[in-house]
Amino acid sequence: MDFDATCTKIRNMNAVSANKLLNTLELRVDDHLQKAIAIYQNLSDVHLNQPAAGGGWSIASCLEHLNSYGDYYLGEISRAIQKYAGEPGTTARRGWLGNYFIQMMDPDLSVKKYKAFKGHFPAEHLDGHLVVTRFIEQQHELLDLLRRAAGADLNRISIPISLTRFVRLKMGDTFEFIIMHNERHIRQADRNLNGVTGRGLL
């Protein structure tokens, strides 16, 4: 299934099957996970921390930025599912704010660069392999949450955003935002793979 094509269709619909959305997102997370296992964890620490041409983030910096979001959102989602499981919904419908955040992060819709928020800016010196290990662990956890979410209502359950607990997104929107954000920065990290030779990665 083509993730980008499916999400484009989802954007143009008022509601979609909750199971279809969860399955589509699960496929994308699995893609991210397999890339981290097959490629990122086999790179040297030097390459993981090599800044991008022009001074952009390294692969490790991109993944650490994503880990900082996972540290917050995965726990919030897990607690919400545990509290409200047993009340599954059949459809998922984006809220207006969730739709705004998701499209803002979609690399196929927005090429604008955004400054990382406080608490999500990666440290200057990173243990590259530890960063990759944490990212892999978080993707396993995210897959588990997507599967557990099949027993909950993606529309009724809301998750507070990391900037302020006074603003909340539907759980379905939160999943989409996290995974689209991951996609955006994984593409950024992949641009740094151009310096890898002799590994058959390109």
Protein backbone atom coordinates (compact mmCIF):
# COMPACT_ATOMS: atom_id res chain seq x y z
CA MET A 1 0.00 0.00 0.00
CA ASP A 2 1.29 3.47 -0.94
CA PHE A 3 1.35 5.49 2.28
CA ASP A 4 1.44 8.91 0.63
CA ALA A 5 -1.35 8.11 -1.83
CA THR A 6 -3.52 6.66 0.93
CA CYS A 7 -3.01 9.69 3.19
CA THR A 8 -3.82 12.01 0.29
CA LYS A 9 -7.12 10.17 -0.08
CA ILE A 10 -7.70 10.40 3.66
CA ARG A 11 -7.18 14.16 3.54
CA ASN A 12 -9.90 14.50 0.94
CA MET A 13 -12.51 12.53 2.90
CA ASN A 14 -14.62 13.52 5.89
CA ALA A 15 -14.18 10.13 7.54
CA VAL A 16 -12.34 6.88 6.89
CA SER A 17 -12.35 3.42 8.37
CA ALA A 18 -10.46 3.51 11.66
CA ASN A 19 -8.92 0.11 10.92
CA LYS A 20 -7.79 1.24 7.47
CA LEU A 21 -6.10 4.30 8.93
CA LEU A 22 -4.38 2.28 11.65
CA ASN A 23 -3.20 -0.34 9.15
CA THR A 24 -1.83 2.34 6.81
CA LEU A 25 0.05 4.03 9.63
CA GLU A 26 1.36 0.69 10.86
CA LEU A 27 2.91 0.02 7.45
CA ARG A 28 4.72 3.35 7.50
CA VAL A 29 6.04 2.80 11.03
CA ASP A 30 7.28 -0.63 9.99
CA ASP A 31 9.12 1.01 7.06
CA HIS A 32 10.81 3.41 9.47
CA LEU A 33 11.69 0.58 11.82
CA GLN A 34 13.18 -1.62 9.11
CA LYS A 35 15.26 1.27 7.77
CA ALA A 36 16.66 1.93 11.24
CA ILE A 37 17.52 -1.75 11.69
CA ALA A 38 18.97 -2.34 8.23
CA ILE A 39 20.78 0.98 7.71
CA TYR A 40 21.09 3.39 10.62
CA GLN A 41 22.28 0.94 13.25
CA ASN A 42 25.00 -0.31 10.89
CA LEU A 43 26.54 3.12 10.35
CA SER A 44 29.58 4.28 12.29
CA ASP A 45 29.17 6.80 15.09
CA VAL A 46 31.19 9.23 12.99
CA HIS A 47 28.75 8.99 10.10
CA LEU A 48 25.71 9.15 12.36
CA ASN A 49 27.01 12.43 13.78
CA GLN A 50 28.27 13.93 10.53
CA PRO A 51 26.43 17.22 9.94
CA ALA A 52 24.61 17.54 6.66
CA ALA A 53 26.13 19.55 3.86
CA GLY A 54 25.54 23.19 4.65
CA GLY A 55 25.50 22.56 8.39
CA GLY A 56 22.14 20.82 8.72
CA TRP A 57 21.30 18.14 11.26
CA SER A 58 23.11 14.82 11.26
CA ILE A 59 21.30 11.48 11.12
CA ALA A 60 21.68 11.16 14.90
CA SER A 61 20.31 14.67 15.44
CA CYS A 62 17.25 13.93 13.31
CA LEU A 63 16.51 10.73 15.20
CA GLU A 64 17.15 12.29 18.62
CA HIS A 65 14.68 15.04 17.74
CA LEU A 66 12.10 12.33 16.96
CA ASN A 67 12.97 10.46 20.16
CA SER A 68 12.17 13.57 22.19
CA TYR A 69 8.64 13.58 20.76
CA GLY A 70 8.30 9.85 21.35
CA ASP A 71 9.35 10.31 24.98
CA TYR A 72 6.27 12.47 25.48
CA TYR A 73 3.59 11.18 23.12
CA LEU A 74 4.02 7.43 23.48
CA GLY A 75 3.37 7.55 27.22
CA GLU A 76 0.39 9.87 26.79
CA ILE A 77 -1.18 7.63 24.16
CA SER A 78 -0.55 4.47 26.15
CA ARG A 79 -2.27 5.88 29.24
CA ALA A 80 -5.22 7.08 27.17
CA ILE A 81 -5.70 3.70 25.50
CA GLN A 82 -5.48 1.91 28.83
CA LYS A 83 -8.12 4.23 30.29
CA TYR A 84 -10.58 4.08 27.40
CA ALA A 85 -9.98 0.68 25.80
CA GLY A 86 -13.08 -1.38 25.13
CA GLU A 87 -14.93 1.45 23.38
CA PRO A 88 -13.76 1.08 19.75
CA GLY A 89 -14.91 3.44 17.03
CA THR A 90 -15.49 2.43 13.43
CA THR A 91 -14.34 5.64 11.73
CA ALA A 92 -11.65 8.29 12.06
CA ARG A 93 -12.29 11.93 11.23
CA ARG A 94 -9.65 14.63 11.47
CA GLY A 95 -10.20 17.69 13.60
CA TRP A 96 -9.35 21.07 12.04
CA LEU A 97 -6.33 21.62 14.28
CA GLY A 98 -5.04 18.09 13.79
CA ASN A 99 -5.42 18.47 10.05
CA TYR A 100 -3.40 21.70 10.19
CA PHE A 101 -0.53 20.10 12.13
CA ILE A 102 -0.49 16.97 9.97
CA GLN A 103 -0.36 18.88 6.71
CA MET A 104 2.28 21.21 8.14
CA MET A 105 4.51 18.17 8.76
CA ASP A 106 3.73 16.37 5.50
CA PRO A 107 6.97 16.62 3.44
CA ASP A 108 4.97 16.25 0.23
CA LEU A 109 2.83 19.29 1.06
CA SER A 110 5.17 21.58 2.97
CA VAL A 111 8.85 22.24 2.27
CA LYS A 112 8.95 25.07 4.80
CA LYS A 113 11.51 24.62 7.56
CA TYR A 114 10.43 25.01 11.17
CA LYS A 115 12.59 25.76 14.18
CA ALA A 116 12.57 22.99 16.78
CA PHE A 117 10.65 23.85 19.94
CA LYS A 118 12.27 24.02 23.34
CA GLY A 119 12.81 20.53 24.73
CA HIS A 120 12.99 18.99 21.27
CA PHE A 121 16.32 20.39 20.09
CA PRO A 122 19.00 17.65 19.93
CA ALA A 123 22.17 17.98 21.97
CA GLU A 124 25.37 18.94 20.20
CA HIS A 125 27.20 15.72 21.13
CA LEU A 126 25.26 12.45 20.82
CA ASP A 127 25.97 8.76 21.25
CA GLY A 128 24.80 7.85 17.76
CA HIS A 129 24.23 4.16 18.41
CA LEU A 130 22.30 4.85 21.61
CA VAL A 131 20.09 7.29 19.69
CA VAL A 132 19.37 4.67 17.02
CA THR A 133 18.64 2.02 19.66
CA ARG A 134 16.12 4.32 21.36
CA PHE A 135 14.50 5.12 18.02
CA ILE A 136 14.12 1.41 17.23
CA GLU A 137 12.60 0.76 20.66
CA GLN A 138 10.15 3.62 20.17
CA GLN A 139 9.04 2.35 16.77
CA HIS A 140 8.32 -1.06 18.30
CA GLU A 141 6.29 0.68 20.99
CA LEU A 142 4.47 2.80 18.40
CA LEU A 143 3.50 -0.33 16.45
CA ASP A 144 2.14 -1.86 19.64
CA LEU A 145 0.09 1.28 20.36
CA LEU A 146 -1.39 1.31 16.86
CA ARG A 147 -2.52 -2.29 17.35
CA ARG A 148 -3.95 -1.55 20.79
CA ALA A 149 -5.75 1.51 19.42
CA ALA A 150 -8.01 -0.78 17.38
CA GLY A 151 -9.90 -1.32 20.63
CA ALA A 152 -10.39 2.39 21.28
CA ASP A 153 -12.20 5.34 19.69
CA LEU A 154 -9.78 7.48 17.65
CA ASN A 155 -12.26 10.38 17.61
CA ARG A 156 -13.39 10.52 21.23
CA ILE A 157 -9.99 10.08 22.91
CA SER A 158 -7.83 13.20 22.88
CA ILE A 159 -4.14 13.70 23.65
CA PRO A 160 -2.59 16.93 25.01
CA ILE A 161 0.13 18.31 22.74
CA SER A 162 3.68 18.59 24.05
CA LEU A 163 3.69 22.42 24.05
CA THR A 164 0.71 22.82 26.36
CA ARG A 165 -1.78 20.47 27.99
CA PHE A 166 -4.54 22.98 27.31
CA VAL A 167 -4.54 22.04 23.60
CA ARG A 168 -5.55 18.51 22.67
CA LEU A 169 -5.70 16.52 19.44
CA LYS A 170 -7.85 13.52 18.63
CA MET A 171 -5.87 10.33 19.13
CA GLY A 172 -6.14 9.48 15.44
CA ASP A 173 -4.74 12.91 14.57
CA THR A 174 -1.98 12.46 17.13
CA PHE A 175 -0.89 9.19 15.54
CA GLU A 176 -0.88 10.79 12.09
CA PHE A 177 1.05 13.83 13.31
CA ILE A 178 3.75 11.73 15.01
CA ILE A 179 4.23 9.43 12.04
CA MET A 180 4.17 12.24 9.46
CA HIS A 181 6.70 14.12 11.61
CA ASN A 182 8.85 10.98 11.69
CA GLU A 183 8.59 10.70 7.90
CA ARG A 184 9.67 14.32 7.45
CA HIS A 185 12.85 13.94 9.51
CA ILE A 186 13.71 10.46 8.26
CA ARG A 187 13.76 11.90 4.76
CA GLN A 188 16.04 14.62 6.12
CA ALA A 189 18.29 11.98 7.70
CA ASP A 190 18.35 9.95 4.49
CA ARG A 191 19.82 12.87 2.58
CA ASN A 192 22.93 12.37 4.71
CA LEU A 193 23.32 8.84 3.36
CA ASN A 194 24.85 10.28 0.19
CA GLY A 195 28.20 10.17 1.95
CA VAL A 196 28.03 6.42 2.48
CA THR A 197 30.01 4.37 -0.02
CA GLY A 198 30.53 0.67 -0.50
CA ARG A 199 27.46 -0.29 1.56
CA GLY A 200 24.84 -0.59 -1.14
CA LEU A 201 22.62 1.87 0.70
CA LEU A 202 21.90 4.35 -2.09
